[in-house]
Amino acid sequence: MADNKRNRNNLTVDLSDIKTVEGLHAVLKEAFEFPEYYGGNLDALHDCLTDIAVKAAEADPVTVTFAGYKKAKRALGSDFHNFRNVLNDVSEEYPNFIVEWRRKA
């Protein structure tokens, strides 16, 4: 798995080794510490991220940085676009859930 870095209000998720949608969801599950029942699809991702964003809205902002995303984008194509749309939707609805993108891991 990728080397993800987390502290209380900041999380960096390394996407540079992502080659499949299943691999993406496995990394996300580990990085965000999603529950065992996480469904590994975009609907489940939206639900779990919304839970995190609601808590951030009630407390301090949470910043998630996705590093090495260019490689994942090339590997996943339109699936990456759909993944990014979910993140954008959550961050637009909950301004205290901040998403950043960094090319290199």
PDB file of N, CA and C in Angstrom:
ATOM      1  N   MET A   1       0.834  -1.185   0.000  1.00  0.00           N
ATOM      2  CA  MET A   1       0.000   0.000   0.000  1.00  0.00           C
ATOM      3  C   MET A   1       0.880   1.251   0.000  1.00  0.00           C
ATOM      4  N   ALA A   2       0.286   2.330  -0.414  1.00  0.00           N
ATOM      5  CA  ALA A   2       0.995   3.601  -0.464  1.00  0.00           C
ATOM      6  C   ALA A   2       1.274   4.105   0.942  1.00  0.00           C
ATOM      7  N   ASP A   3       2.230   5.006   1.025  1.00  0.00           N
ATOM      8  CA  ASP A   3       2.586   5.594   2.309  1.00  0.00           C
ATOM      9  C   ASP A   3       1.723   6.829   2.525  1.00  0.00           C
ATOM     10  N   ASN A   4       0.661   6.673   3.288  1.00  0.00           N
ATOM     11  CA  ASN A   4      -0.250   7.779   3.573  1.00  0.00           C
ATOM     12  C   ASN A   4       0.127   8.396   4.909  1.00  0.00           C
ATOM     13  N   LYS A   5       0.020   9.714   4.968  1.00  0.00           N
ATOM     14  CA  LYS A   5       0.399  10.431   6.183  1.00  0.00           C
ATOM     15  C   LYS A   5      -0.833  11.113   6.750  1.00  0.00           C
ATOM     16  N   ARG A   6      -1.017  10.945   8.067  1.00  0.00           N
ATOM     17  CA  ARG A   6      -2.212  11.488   8.712  1.00  0.00           C
ATOM     18  C   ARG A   6      -1.836  12.129  10.039  1.00  0.00           C
ATOM     19  N   ASN A   7      -2.437  13.261  10.282  1.00  0.00           N
ATOM     20  CA  ASN A   7      -2.479  13.790  11.639  1.00  0.00           C
ATOM     21  C   ASN A   7      -3.913  14.220  11.883  1.00  0.00           C
ATOM     22  N   ARG A   8      -4.159  14.873  12.944  1.00  0.00           N
ATOM     23  CA  ARG A   8      -5.544  15.147  13.365  1.00  0.00           C
ATOM     24  C   ARG A   8      -6.402  15.798  12.284  1.00  0.00           C
ATOM     25  N   ASN A   9      -5.877  16.782  11.587  1.00  0.00           N
ATOM     26  CA  ASN A   9      -6.699  17.530  10.642  1.00  0.00           C
ATOM     27  C   ASN A   9      -6.138  17.544   9.225  1.00  0.00           C
ATOM     28  N   ASN A  10      -5.096  16.773   8.993  1.00  0.00           N
ATOM     29  CA  ASN A  10      -4.484  16.728   7.670  1.00  0.00           C
ATOM     30  C   ASN A  10      -4.191  15.290   7.289  1.00  0.00           C
ATOM     31  N   LEU A  11      -4.479  14.977   6.046  1.00  0.00           N
ATOM     32  CA  LEU A  11      -4.219  13.639   5.535  1.00  0.00           C
ATOM     33  C   LEU A  11      -3.633  13.776   4.145  1.00  0.00           C
ATOM     34  N   THR A  12      -2.540  13.068   3.901  1.00  0.00           N
ATOM     35  CA  THR A  12      -1.974  12.997   2.561  1.00  0.00           C
ATOM     36  C   THR A  12      -2.137  11.573   2.069  1.00  0.00           C
ATOM     37  N   VAL A  13      -2.763  11.431   0.900  1.00  0.00           N
ATOM     38  CA  VAL A  13      -3.008  10.131   0.304  1.00  0.00           C
ATOM     39  C   VAL A  13      -2.176  10.029  -0.970  1.00  0.00           C
ATOM     40  N   ASP A  14      -1.287   9.051  -1.009  1.00  0.00           N
ATOM     41  CA  ASP A  14      -0.409   8.833  -2.152  1.00  0.00           C
ATOM     42  C   ASP A  14      -1.133   7.970  -3.180  1.00  0.00           C
ATOM     43  N   LEU A  15      -1.402   8.545  -4.338  1.00  0.00           N
ATOM     44  CA  LEU A  15      -2.100   7.837  -5.407  1.00  0.00           C
ATOM     45  C   LEU A  15      -1.152   7.348  -6.499  1.00  0.00           C
ATOM     46  N   SER A  16       0.138   7.524  -6.322  1.00  0.00           N
ATOM     47  CA  SER A  16       1.088   7.259  -7.402  1.00  0.00           C
ATOM     48  C   SER A  16       1.178   5.790  -7.821  1.00  0.00           C
ATOM     49  N   ASP A  17       0.770   4.863  -6.969  1.00  0.00           N
ATOM     50  CA  ASP A  17       0.833   3.445  -7.323  1.00  0.00           C
ATOM     51  C   ASP A  17      -0.515   2.867  -7.749  1.00  0.00           C
ATOM     52  N   ILE A  18      -1.523   3.701  -7.904  1.00  0.00           N
ATOM     53  CA  ILE A  18      -2.860   3.235  -8.242  1.00  0.00           C
ATOM     54  C   ILE A  18      -2.901   2.815  -9.711  1.00  0.00           C
ATOM     55  N   LYS A  19      -3.407   1.604  -9.942  1.00  0.00           N
ATOM     56  CA  LYS A  19      -3.525   1.110 -11.314  1.00  0.00           C
ATOM     57  C   LYS A  19      -4.940   0.642 -11.648  1.00  0.00           C
ATOM     58  N   THR A  20      -5.761   0.395 -10.609  1.00  0.00           N
ATOM     59  CA  THR A  20      -7.126  -0.082 -10.814  1.00  0.00           C
ATOM     60  C   THR A  20      -8.080   0.642  -9.875  1.00  0.00           C
ATOM     61  N   VAL A  21      -9.361   0.576 -10.201  1.00  0.00           N
ATOM     62  CA  VAL A  21     -10.379   1.169  -9.334  1.00  0.00           C
ATOM     63  C   VAL A  21     -10.387   0.457  -7.984  1.00  0.00           C
ATOM     64  N   GLU A  22     -10.234  -0.856  -8.012  1.00  0.00           N
ATOM     65  CA  GLU A  22     -10.195  -1.616  -6.758  1.00  0.00           C
ATOM     66  C   GLU A  22      -9.020  -1.179  -5.893  1.00  0.00           C
ATOM     67  N   GLY A  23      -7.883  -0.951  -6.531  1.00  0.00           N
ATOM     68  CA  GLY A  23      -6.702  -0.475  -5.806  1.00  0.00           C
ATOM     69  C   GLY A  23      -6.925   0.900  -5.206  1.00  0.00           C
ATOM     70  N   LEU A  24      -7.614   1.767  -5.947  1.00  0.00           N
ATOM     71  CA  LEU A  24      -7.938   3.104  -5.439  1.00  0.00           C
ATOM     72  C   LEU A  24      -8.777   2.994  -4.177  1.00  0.00           C
ATOM     73  N   HIS A  25      -9.826   2.191  -4.227  1.00  0.00           N
ATOM     74  CA  HIS A  25     -10.706   2.075  -3.058  1.00  0.00           C
ATOM     75  C   HIS A  25     -10.004   1.418  -1.876  1.00  0.00           C
ATOM     76  N   ALA A  26      -9.085   0.505  -2.134  1.00  0.00           N
ATOM     77  CA  ALA A  26      -8.327  -0.109  -1.042  1.00  0.00           C
ATOM     78  C   ALA A  26      -7.450   0.933  -0.347  1.00  0.00           C
ATOM     79  N   VAL A  27      -6.805   1.789  -1.136  1.00  0.00           N
ATOM     80  CA  VAL A  27      -5.967   2.848  -0.563  1.00  0.00           C
ATOM     81  C   VAL A  27      -6.823   3.850   0.207  1.00  0.00           C
ATOM     82  N   LEU A  28      -7.968   4.208  -0.344  1.00  0.00           N
ATOM     83  CA  LEU A  28      -8.860   5.160   0.333  1.00  0.00           C
ATOM     84  C   LEU A  28      -9.378   4.578   1.643  1.00  0.00           C
ATOM     85  N   LYS A  29      -9.752   3.320   1.618  1.00  0.00           N
ATOM     86  CA  LYS A  29     -10.257   2.668   2.839  1.00  0.00           C
ATOM     87  C   LYS A  29      -9.217   2.705   3.941  1.00  0.00           C
ATOM     88  N   GLU A  30      -7.976   2.391   3.579  1.00  0.00           N
ATOM     89  CA  GLU A  30      -6.897   2.401   4.571  1.00  0.00           C
ATOM     90  C   GLU A  30      -6.579   3.822   5.035  1.00  0.00           C
ATOM     91  N   ALA A  31      -6.459   4.742   4.095  1.00  0.00           N
ATOM     92  CA  ALA A  31      -6.055   6.112   4.425  1.00  0.00           C
ATOM     93  C   ALA A  31      -7.070   6.816   5.309  1.00  0.00           C
ATOM     94  N   PHE A  32      -8.348   6.655   4.989  1.00  0.00           N
ATOM     95  CA  PHE A  32      -9.400   7.330   5.745  1.00  0.00           C
ATOM     96  C   PHE A  32      -9.895   6.514   6.927  1.00  0.00           C
ATOM     97  N   GLU A  33      -9.375   5.304   7.048  1.00  0.00           N
ATOM     98  CA  GLU A  33      -9.808   4.394   8.113  1.00  0.00           C
ATOM     99  C   GLU A  33     -11.314   4.162   8.049  1.00  0.00           C
ATOM    100  N   PHE A  34     -11.791   3.874   6.825  1.00  0.00           N
ATOM    101  CA  PHE A  34     -13.197   3.577   6.620  1.00  0.00           C
ATOM    102  C   PHE A  34     -13.547   2.264   7.323  1.00  0.00           C
ATOM    103  N   PRO A  35     -14.820   2.090   7.666  1.00  0.00           N
ATOM    104  CA  PRO A  35     -15.238   0.856   8.353  1.00  0.00           C
ATOM    105  C   PRO A  35     -15.114  -0.368   7.444  1.00  0.00           C
ATOM    106  N   GLU A  36     -15.092  -1.539   8.051  1.00  0.00           N
ATOM    107  CA  GLU A  36     -14.958  -2.805   7.314  1.00  0.00           C
ATOM    108  C   GLU A  36     -16.032  -2.949   6.246  1.00  0.00           C
ATOM    109  N   TYR A  37     -17.214  -2.432   6.493  1.00  0.00           N
ATOM    110  CA  TYR A  37     -18.315  -2.605   5.552  1.00  0.00           C
ATOM    111  C   TYR A  37     -18.261  -1.626   4.373  1.00  0.00           C
ATOM    112  N   TYR A  38     -17.205  -0.816   4.273  1.00  0.00           N
ATOM    113  CA  TYR A  38     -17.065   0.117   3.152  1.00  0.00           C
ATOM    114  C   TYR A  38     -17.215  -0.647   1.840  1.00  0.00           C
ATOM    115  N   GLY A  39     -18.115  -0.175   0.980  1.00  0.00           N
ATOM    116  CA  GLY A  39     -18.483  -0.899  -0.228  1.00  0.00           C
ATOM    117  C   GLY A  39     -17.519  -0.814  -1.397  1.00  0.00           C
ATOM    118  N   GLY A  40     -16.527   0.055  -1.322  1.00  0.00           N
ATOM    119  CA  GLY A  40     -15.555   0.142  -2.403  1.00  0.00           C
ATOM    120  C   GLY A  40     -16.151   0.629  -3.716  1.00  0.00           C
ATOM    121  N   ASN A  41     -17.061   1.590  -3.642  1.00  0.00           N
ATOM    122  CA  ASN A  41     -17.640   2.196  -4.842  1.00  0.00           C
ATOM    123  C   ASN A  41     -17.863   3.680  -4.564  1.00  0.00           C
ATOM    124  N   LEU A  42     -18.249   4.426  -5.586  1.00  0.00           N
ATOM    125  CA  LEU A  42     -18.359   5.874  -5.434  1.00  0.00           C
ATOM    126  C   LEU A  42     -19.479   6.304  -4.498  1.00  0.00           C
ATOM    127  N   ASP A  43     -20.573   5.566  -4.467  1.00  0.00           N
ATOM    128  CA  ASP A  43     -21.645   5.902  -3.526  1.00  0.00           C
ATOM    129  C   ASP A  43     -21.184   5.730  -2.085  1.00  0.00           C
ATOM    130  N   ALA A  44     -20.501   4.628  -1.822  1.00  0.00           N
ATOM    131  CA  ALA A  44     -19.977   4.386  -0.471  1.00  0.00           C
ATOM    132  C   ALA A  44     -18.924   5.434  -0.118  1.00  0.00           C
ATOM    133  N   LEU A  45     -18.098   5.798  -1.091  1.00  0.00           N
ATOM    134  CA  LEU A  45     -17.082   6.829  -0.855  1.00  0.00           C
ATOM    135  C   LEU A  45     -17.759   8.147  -0.486  1.00  0.00           C
ATOM    136  N   HIS A  46     -18.766   8.521  -1.234  1.00  0.00           N
ATOM    137  CA  HIS A  46     -19.483   9.762  -0.933  1.00  0.00           C
ATOM    138  C   HIS A  46     -20.060   9.738   0.478  1.00  0.00           C
ATOM    139  N   ASP A  47     -20.680   8.628   0.852  1.00  0.00           N
ATOM    140  CA  ASP A  47     -21.270   8.516   2.190  1.00  0.00           C
ATOM    141  C   ASP A  47     -20.218   8.637   3.284  1.00  0.00           C
ATOM    142  N   CYS A  48     -19.108   7.932   3.135  1.00  0.00           N
ATOM    143  CA  CYS A  48     -18.064   7.959   4.174  1.00  0.00           C
ATOM    144  C   CYS A  48     -17.390   9.324   4.249  1.00  0.00           C
ATOM    145  N   LEU A  49     -17.137   9.943   3.098  1.00  0.00           N
ATOM    146  CA  LEU A  49     -16.517  11.274   3.111  1.00  0.00           C
ATOM    147  C   LEU A  49     -17.472  12.313   3.690  1.00  0.00           C
ATOM    148  N   THR A  50     -18.754  12.163   3.436  1.00  0.00           N
ATOM    149  CA  THR A  50     -19.731  13.084   4.016  1.00  0.00           C
ATOM    150  C   THR A  50     -19.723  12.986   5.534  1.00  0.00           C
ATOM    151  N   ASP A  51     -19.605  11.780   6.072  1.00  0.00           N
ATOM    152  CA  ASP A  51     -19.495  11.623   7.529  1.00  0.00           C
ATOM    153  C   ASP A  51     -18.294  12.384   8.070  1.00  0.00           C
ATOM    154  N   ILE A  52     -17.161  12.273   7.385  1.00  0.00           N
ATOM    155  CA  ILE A  52     -15.948  12.996   7.807  1.00  0.00           C
ATOM    156  C   ILE A  52     -16.173  14.505   7.686  1.00  0.00           C
ATOM    157  N   ALA A  53     -16.782  14.928   6.588  1.00  0.00           N
ATOM    158  CA  ALA A  53     -16.996  16.356   6.345  1.00  0.00           C
ATOM    159  C   ALA A  53     -17.954  16.964   7.358  1.00  0.00           C
ATOM    160  N   VAL A  54     -18.977  16.225   7.757  1.00  0.00           N
ATOM    161  CA  VAL A  54     -19.918  16.728   8.769  1.00  0.00           C
ATOM    162  C   VAL A  54     -19.182  16.972  10.080  1.00  0.00           C
ATOM    163  N   LYS A  55     -18.318  16.043  10.462  1.00  0.00           N
ATOM    164  CA  LYS A  55     -17.527  16.227  11.689  1.00  0.00           C
ATOM    165  C   LYS A  55     -16.602  17.424  11.554  1.00  0.00           C
ATOM    166  N   ALA A  56     -16.028  17.623  10.365  1.00  0.00           N
ATOM    167  CA  ALA A  56     -15.145  18.777  10.137  1.00  0.00           C
ATOM    168  C   ALA A  56     -15.925  20.078  10.231  1.00  0.00           C
ATOM    169  N   ALA A  57     -17.168  20.065   9.768  1.00  0.00           N
ATOM    170  CA  ALA A  57     -17.995  21.271   9.832  1.00  0.00           C
ATOM    171  C   ALA A  57     -18.307  21.652  11.270  1.00  0.00           C
ATOM    172  N   GLU A  58     -18.342  20.652  12.135  1.00  0.00           N
ATOM    173  CA  GLU A  58     -18.639  20.893  13.552  1.00  0.00           C
ATOM    174  C   GLU A  58     -17.393  21.221  14.357  1.00  0.00           C
ATOM    175  N   ALA A  59     -16.219  21.007  13.782  1.00  0.00           N
ATOM    176  CA  ALA A  59     -14.955  21.220  14.502  1.00  0.00           C
ATOM    177  C   ALA A  59     -13.997  21.999  13.606  1.00  0.00           C
ATOM    178  N   ASP A  60     -12.756  21.555  13.587  1.00  0.00           N
ATOM    179  CA  ASP A  60     -11.737  22.200  12.765  1.00  0.00           C
ATOM    180  C   ASP A  60     -11.772  21.646  11.339  1.00  0.00           C
ATOM    181  N   PRO A  61     -11.355  22.448  10.380  1.00  0.00           N
ATOM    182  CA  PRO A  61     -11.307  21.962   8.997  1.00  0.00           C
ATOM    183  C   PRO A  61     -10.389  20.745   8.845  1.00  0.00           C
ATOM    184  N   VAL A  62     -10.703  19.936   7.871  1.00  0.00           N
ATOM    185  CA  VAL A  62      -9.884  18.782   7.512  1.00  0.00           C
ATOM    186  C   VAL A  62      -9.368  19.022   6.101  1.00  0.00           C
ATOM    187  N   THR A  63      -8.065  18.879   5.911  1.00  0.00           N
ATOM    188  CA  THR A  63      -7.459  19.031   4.591  1.00  0.00           C
ATOM    189  C   THR A  63      -6.929  17.685   4.138  1.00  0.00           C
ATOM    190  N   VAL A  64      -7.360  17.277   2.955  1.00  0.00           N
ATOM    191  CA  VAL A  64      -6.888  16.025   2.357  1.00  0.00           C
ATOM    192  C   VAL A  64      -6.107  16.383   1.107  1.00  0.00           C
ATOM    193  N   THR A  65      -4.855  15.947   1.052  1.00  0.00           N
ATOM    194  CA  THR A  65      -4.007  16.183  -0.108  1.00  0.00           C
ATOM    195  C   THR A  65      -3.813  14.862  -0.832  1.00  0.00           C
ATOM    196  N   PHE A  66      -4.144  14.846  -2.111  1.00  0.00           N
ATOM    197  CA  PHE A  66      -3.928  13.665  -2.938  1.00  0.00           C
ATOM    198  C   PHE A  66      -2.647  13.898  -3.733  1.00  0.00           C
ATOM    199  N   ALA A  67      -1.623  13.143  -3.396  1.00  0.00           N
ATOM    200  CA  ALA A  67      -0.313  13.283  -4.025  1.00  0.00           C
ATOM    201  C   ALA A  67      -0.143  12.215  -5.101  1.00  0.00           C
ATOM    202  N   GLY A  68       0.623  12.539  -6.133  1.00  0.00           N
ATOM    203  CA  GLY A  68       0.889  11.590  -7.202  1.00  0.00           C
ATOM    204  C   GLY A  68      -0.341  11.256  -8.017  1.00  0.00           C
ATOM    205  N   TYR A  69      -1.259  12.185  -8.114  1.00  0.00           N
ATOM    206  CA  TYR A  69      -2.541  11.899  -8.761  1.00  0.00           C
ATOM    207  C   TYR A  69      -2.442  11.748 -10.274  1.00  0.00           C
ATOM    208  N   LYS A  70      -1.420  12.326 -10.900  1.00  0.00           N
ATOM    209  CA  LYS A  70      -1.310  12.255 -12.359  1.00  0.00           C
ATOM    210  C   LYS A  70      -1.201  10.815 -12.852  1.00  0.00           C
ATOM    211  N   LYS A  71      -0.442   9.993 -12.145  1.00  0.00           N
ATOM    212  CA  LYS A  71      -0.305   8.583 -12.539  1.00  0.00           C
ATOM    213  C   LYS A  71      -1.642   7.864 -12.410  1.00  0.00           C
ATOM    214  N   ALA A  72      -2.354   8.120 -11.327  1.00  0.00           N
ATOM    215  CA  ALA A  72      -3.668   7.495 -11.132  1.00  0.00           C
ATOM    216  C   ALA A  72      -4.638   7.968 -12.204  1.00  0.00           C
ATOM    217  N   LYS A  73      -4.568   9.223 -12.550  1.00  0.00           N
ATOM    218  CA  LYS A  73      -5.450   9.780 -13.573  1.00  0.00           C
ATOM    219  C   LYS A  73      -5.220   9.087 -14.913  1.00  0.00           C
ATOM    220  N   ARG A  74      -3.965   8.872 -15.257  1.00  0.00           N
ATOM    221  CA  ARG A  74      -3.652   8.171 -16.508  1.00  0.00           C
ATOM    222  C   ARG A  74      -4.128   6.722 -16.468  1.00  0.00           C
ATOM    223  N   ALA A  75      -3.949   6.072 -15.337  1.00  0.00           N
ATOM    224  CA  ALA A  75      -4.305   4.656 -15.220  1.00  0.00           C
ATOM    225  C   ALA A  75      -5.813   4.436 -15.195  1.00  0.00           C
ATOM    226  N   LEU A  76      -6.551   5.346 -14.580  1.00  0.00           N
ATOM    227  CA  LEU A  76      -7.982   5.130 -14.364  1.00  0.00           C
ATOM    228  C   LEU A  76      -8.891   5.825 -15.378  1.00  0.00           C
ATOM    229  N   GLY A  77      -8.377   6.815 -16.069  1.00  0.00           N
ATOM    230  CA  GLY A  77      -9.175   7.502 -17.090  1.00  0.00           C
ATOM    231  C   GLY A  77     -10.459   8.102 -16.530  1.00  0.00           C
ATOM    232  N   SER A  78     -11.592   7.726 -17.115  1.00  0.00           N
ATOM    233  CA  SER A  78     -12.872   8.310 -16.709  1.00  0.00           C
ATOM    234  C   SER A  78     -13.244   7.935 -15.280  1.00  0.00           C
ATOM    235  N   ASP A  79     -12.754   6.795 -14.787  1.00  0.00           N
ATOM    236  CA  ASP A  79     -13.017   6.429 -13.393  1.00  0.00           C
ATOM    237  C   ASP A  79     -12.371   7.440 -12.443  1.00  0.00           C
ATOM    238  N   PHE A  80     -11.217   7.972 -12.821  1.00  0.00           N
ATOM    239  CA  PHE A  80     -10.573   8.998 -11.996  1.00  0.00           C
ATOM    240  C   PHE A  80     -11.418  10.271 -12.005  1.00  0.00           C
ATOM    241  N   HIS A  81     -11.928  10.615 -13.163  1.00  0.00           N
ATOM    242  CA  HIS A  81     -12.779  11.800 -13.282  1.00  0.00           C
ATOM    243  C   HIS A  81     -13.994  11.666 -12.352  1.00  0.00           C
ATOM    244  N   ASN A  82     -14.611  10.509 -12.334  1.00  0.00           N
ATOM    245  CA  ASN A  82     -15.773  10.272 -11.466  1.00  0.00           C
ATOM    246  C   ASN A  82     -15.386  10.345  -9.991  1.00  0.00           C
ATOM    247  N   PHE A  83     -14.218   9.797  -9.641  1.00  0.00           N
ATOM    248  CA  PHE A  83     -13.687   9.869  -8.276  1.00  0.00           C
ATOM    249  C   PHE A  83     -13.492  11.324  -7.868  1.00  0.00           C
ATOM    250  N   ARG A  84     -12.893  12.084  -8.751  1.00  0.00           N
ATOM    251  CA  ARG A  84     -12.636  13.494  -8.456  1.00  0.00           C
ATOM    252  C   ARG A  84     -13.944  14.275  -8.300  1.00  0.00           C
ATOM    253  N   ASN A  85     -14.949  13.929  -9.076  1.00  0.00           N
ATOM    254  CA  ASN A  85     -16.250  14.589  -8.952  1.00  0.00           C
ATOM    255  C   ASN A  85     -16.870  14.358  -7.574  1.00  0.00           C
ATOM    256  N   VAL A  86     -16.731  13.160  -7.044  1.00  0.00           N
ATOM    257  CA  VAL A  86     -17.242  12.872  -5.699  1.00  0.00           C
ATOM    258  C   VAL A  86     -16.558  13.773  -4.683  1.00  0.00           C
ATOM    259  N   LEU A  87     -15.246  13.879  -4.771  1.00  0.00           N
ATOM    260  CA  LEU A  87     -14.499  14.735  -3.843  1.00  0.00           C
ATOM    261  C   LEU A  87     -14.916  16.193  -3.986  1.00  0.00           C
ATOM    262  N   ASN A  88     -15.072  16.641  -5.210  1.00  0.00           N
ATOM    263  CA  ASN A  88     -15.495  18.027  -5.434  1.00  0.00           C
ATOM    264  C   ASN A  88     -16.883  18.283  -4.863  1.00  0.00           C
ATOM    265  N   ASP A  89     -17.786  17.334  -5.055  1.00  0.00           N
ATOM    266  CA  ASP A  89     -19.145  17.486  -4.517  1.00  0.00           C
ATOM    267  C   ASP A  89     -19.130  17.635  -3.001  1.00  0.00           C
ATOM    268  N   VAL A  90     -18.371  16.779  -2.328  1.00  0.00           N
ATOM    269  CA  VAL A  90     -18.312  16.828  -0.862  1.00  0.00           C
ATOM    270  C   VAL A  90     -17.663  18.130  -0.399  1.00  0.00           C
ATOM    271  N   SER A  91     -16.566  18.523  -1.035  1.00  0.00           N
ATOM    272  CA  SER A  91     -15.874  19.741  -0.590  1.00  0.00           C
ATOM    273  C   SER A  91     -16.682  21.004  -0.893  1.00  0.00           C
ATOM    274  N   GLU A  92     -17.502  20.978  -1.938  1.00  0.00           N
ATOM    275  CA  GLU A  92     -18.366  22.132  -2.217  1.00  0.00           C
ATOM    276  C   GLU A  92     -19.495  22.234  -1.195  1.00  0.00           C
ATOM    277  N   GLU A  93     -20.030  21.090  -0.802  1.00  0.00           N
ATOM    278  CA  GLU A  93     -21.123  21.090   0.169  1.00  0.00           C
ATOM    279  C   GLU A  93     -20.635  21.397   1.585  1.00  0.00           C
ATOM    280  N   TYR A  94     -19.399  20.988   1.885  1.00  0.00           N
ATOM    281  CA  TYR A  94     -18.832  21.169   3.223  1.00  0.00           C
ATOM    282  C   TYR A  94     -17.488  21.896   3.094  1.00  0.00           C
ATOM    283  N   PRO A  95     -17.487  23.222   3.184  1.00  0.00           N
ATOM    284  CA  PRO A  95     -16.256  24.000   2.990  1.00  0.00           C
ATOM    285  C   PRO A  95     -15.127  23.651   3.962  1.00  0.00           C
ATOM    286  N   ASN A  96     -15.436  23.040   5.106  1.00  0.00           N
ATOM    287  CA  ASN A  96     -14.380  22.655   6.050  1.00  0.00           C
ATOM    288  C   ASN A  96     -13.724  21.330   5.678  1.00  0.00           C
ATOM    289  N   PHE A  97     -14.157  20.729   4.580  1.00  0.00           N
ATOM    290  CA  PHE A  97     -13.517  19.538   4.029  1.00  0.00           C
ATOM    291  C   PHE A  97     -12.777  20.001   2.774  1.00  0.00           C
ATOM    292  N   ILE A  98     -11.475  20.191   2.924  1.00  0.00           N
ATOM    293  CA  ILE A  98     -10.653  20.814   1.887  1.00  0.00           C
ATOM    294  C   ILE A  98      -9.873  19.742   1.152  1.00  0.00           C
ATOM    295  N   VAL A  99      -9.942  19.763  -0.174  1.00  0.00           N
ATOM    296  CA  VAL A  99      -9.231  18.793  -1.002  1.00  0.00           C
ATOM    297  C   VAL A  99      -8.177  19.537  -1.815  1.00  0.00           C
ATOM    298  N   GLU A 100      -6.957  19.007  -1.754  1.00  0.00           N
ATOM    299  CA  GLU A 100      -5.854  19.570  -2.529  1.00  0.00           C
ATOM    300  C   GLU A 100      -5.241  18.483  -3.394  1.00  0.00           C
ATOM    301  N   TRP A 101      -4.662  18.877  -4.513  1.00  0.00           N
ATOM    302  CA  TRP A 101      -4.057  17.942  -5.447  1.00  0.00           C
ATOM    303  C   TRP A 101      -2.592  18.317  -5.664  1.00  0.00           C
ATOM    304  N   ARG A 102      -1.710  17.319  -5.525  1.00  0.00           N
ATOM    305  CA  ARG A 102      -0.278  17.548  -5.732  1.00  0.00           C
ATOM    306  C   ARG A 102       0.221  16.508  -6.734  1.00  0.00           C
ATOM    307  N   ARG A 103       0.929  16.947  -7.736  1.00  0.00           N
ATOM    308  CA  ARG A 103       1.376  16.041  -8.799  1.00  0.00           C
ATOM    309  C   ARG A 103       2.318  14.952  -8.319  1.00  0.00           C
ATOM    310  N   LYS A 104       3.234  15.306  -7.463  1.00  0.00           N
ATOM    311  CA  LYS A 104       4.241  14.335  -7.024  1.00  0.00           C
ATOM    312  C   LYS A 104       3.955  13.848  -5.614  1.00  0.00           C
ATOM    313  N   ALA A 105       4.300  12.599  -5.391  1.00  0.00           N
ATOM    314  CA  ALA A 105       4.076  11.998  -4.073  1.00  0.00           C
ATOM    315  C   ALA A 105       5.137  12.429  -3.088  1.00  0.00           C
TER     316      ALA A 105
END
